[in-house]
Protein backbone atom coordinates (compact mmCIF):
# COMPACT_ATOMS: atom_id res chain seq x y z
CA MET A 1 20.33 -23.14 -22.54
CA VAL A 2 20.50 -23.27 -18.81
CA GLU A 3 21.50 -19.45 -19.14
CA GLU A 4 17.64 -19.31 -22.18
CA GLU A 5 15.68 -20.79 -19.45
CA MET A 6 16.24 -18.50 -16.60
CA GLY A 7 16.06 -15.36 -18.58
CA SER A 8 12.73 -16.84 -20.24
CA LEU A 9 11.94 -17.00 -16.43
CA ARG A 10 12.84 -14.33 -15.39
CA GLU A 11 11.07 -12.15 -18.46
CA LYS A 12 7.78 -14.36 -17.50
CA LYS A 13 7.86 -13.42 -13.77
CA LEU A 14 8.15 -9.66 -14.87
CA ARG A 15 5.39 -9.98 -17.54
CA GLU A 16 2.93 -11.47 -14.21
CA ARG A 17 5.06 -8.67 -11.84
CA LEU A 18 3.37 -6.17 -14.44
CA SER A 19 0.29 -7.43 -14.78
CA GLN A 20 -0.86 -7.94 -10.90
CA MET A 21 0.43 -3.89 -10.90
CA GLN A 22 -1.62 -3.15 -13.79
CA LYS A 23 -4.54 -4.70 -12.63
CA GLN A 24 -4.69 -3.41 -8.33
CA GLU A 25 -4.18 -0.01 -9.93
CA GLU A 26 -6.96 -0.47 -11.97
CA TYR A 27 -8.95 -2.09 -8.72
CA GLU A 28 -7.72 1.56 -7.08
CA ALA A 29 -9.23 3.54 -9.66
CA GLN A 30 -12.27 1.88 -9.41
CA VAL A 31 -12.31 1.94 -5.85
CA ARG A 32 -12.00 6.26 -6.18
CA MET A 33 -14.49 6.44 -8.37
CA VAL A 34 -17.15 4.49 -6.06
CA LEU A 35 -15.89 6.56 -3.07
CA ARG A 36 -15.93 10.24 -5.04
CA LYS A 37 -19.19 9.07 -6.39
CA PHE A 38 -20.85 8.86 -2.76
CA LEU A 39 -18.33 10.90 -0.42
CA THR A 40 -18.02 14.43 0.13
CA ASP A 41 -14.58 16.51 -0.64
CA ASP A 42 -13.18 16.72 2.61
CA ALA A 43 -14.39 13.49 3.41
CA TYR A 44 -13.17 11.94 -0.19
CA GLU A 45 -9.66 14.14 1.26
CA ARG A 46 -9.35 12.25 4.54
CA MET A 47 -9.93 8.58 2.72
CA MET A 48 -6.93 9.49 0.07
CA ASN A 49 -4.77 9.85 3.64
CA VAL A 50 -6.21 6.75 5.61
CA ARG A 51 -4.75 5.07 1.84
CA ILE A 52 -1.61 6.88 2.60
CA SER A 53 -0.81 5.80 6.46
CA ASN A 54 -3.25 2.85 6.26
CA LYS A 55 -4.17 0.55 2.85
CA GLN A 56 -5.56 -2.09 5.23
CA LEU A 57 -8.08 0.62 6.78
CA TYR A 58 -8.93 2.37 3.67
CA PHE A 59 -9.76 -0.81 1.26
CA GLY A 60 -12.12 -2.14 4.51
CA ALA A 61 -13.66 1.24 4.62
CA ALA A 62 -14.18 1.26 1.05
CA ALA A 63 -15.80 -2.01 1.20
CA ALA A 64 -18.40 -0.54 3.95
CA ILE A 65 -19.14 2.19 1.49
CA ALA A 66 -19.75 0.72 -1.72
CA GLN A 67 -21.71 -2.70 0.49
CA ALA A 68 -23.46 0.43 1.87
CA ALA A 69 -23.79 2.66 -0.90
CA SER A 70 -25.20 -1.10 -2.90
CA ALA A 71 -28.17 -1.99 -0.46
CA GLY A 72 -29.62 1.73 -0.87
CA GLN A 73 -28.38 3.08 2.52
CA VAL A 74 -26.33 5.40 1.61
CA GLN A 75 -28.66 9.12 1.32
CA GLY A 76 -27.11 11.89 -0.37
CA LYS A 77 -23.26 11.80 0.70
CA ILE A 78 -21.29 10.73 3.09
CA SER A 79 -19.89 13.98 4.98
CA GLY A 80 -16.63 13.61 6.51
CA GLU A 81 -17.54 13.31 9.95
CA LYS A 82 -20.00 10.58 8.94
CA LEU A 83 -17.07 9.25 7.70
CA LYS A 84 -14.33 10.71 10.66
CA SER A 85 -16.99 7.75 12.74
CA LEU A 86 -17.33 5.28 10.52
CA LEU A 87 -13.58 4.86 10.47
CA ALA A 88 -13.53 5.14 14.69
CA GLY A 89 -15.72 1.97 14.52
CA MET A 90 -13.40 0.46 12.26
CA THR A 91 -10.20 0.81 14.37
CA GLU A 92 -11.48 0.43 17.36
CA ARG A 93 -8.84 -1.01 20.16
CA ARG A 94 -8.88 -3.99 22.75
CA GLU A 95 -7.25 -2.52 25.33
CA THR A 96 -5.11 -4.72 27.40
CA THR A 97 -4.40 -4.79 31.00
CA LEU A 98 -0.94 -6.32 32.12
CA GLU A 99 -0.80 -7.69 36.18
CA ILE A 100 2.69 -8.21 37.76
CA LYS A 101 2.73 -10.41 40.70
CA LYS A 102 5.36 -10.70 42.74
CA LYS A 103 5.84 -13.56 44.90
């Protein structure tokens, strides 16, 4: 009886994970479709490289592009240079200084 319940719980969790993975894949496909529409070929390639190296930056930049496009701020396609500047603005790092004081 306990084994049957454990088996059904495992199956339920597996189905949930598969469903979640499928939804994630569909979402990523939609994001790629939007990017393909608003980016030049070299900019799209760059975004795919960013997707591999930094998913958080990729989704942040994709959201910014989609938002700008829906607001009508995108004229034509976004070039690789414009994308570079967008990504650079999103990845600005603050420099920290460390001071060591001796007694």
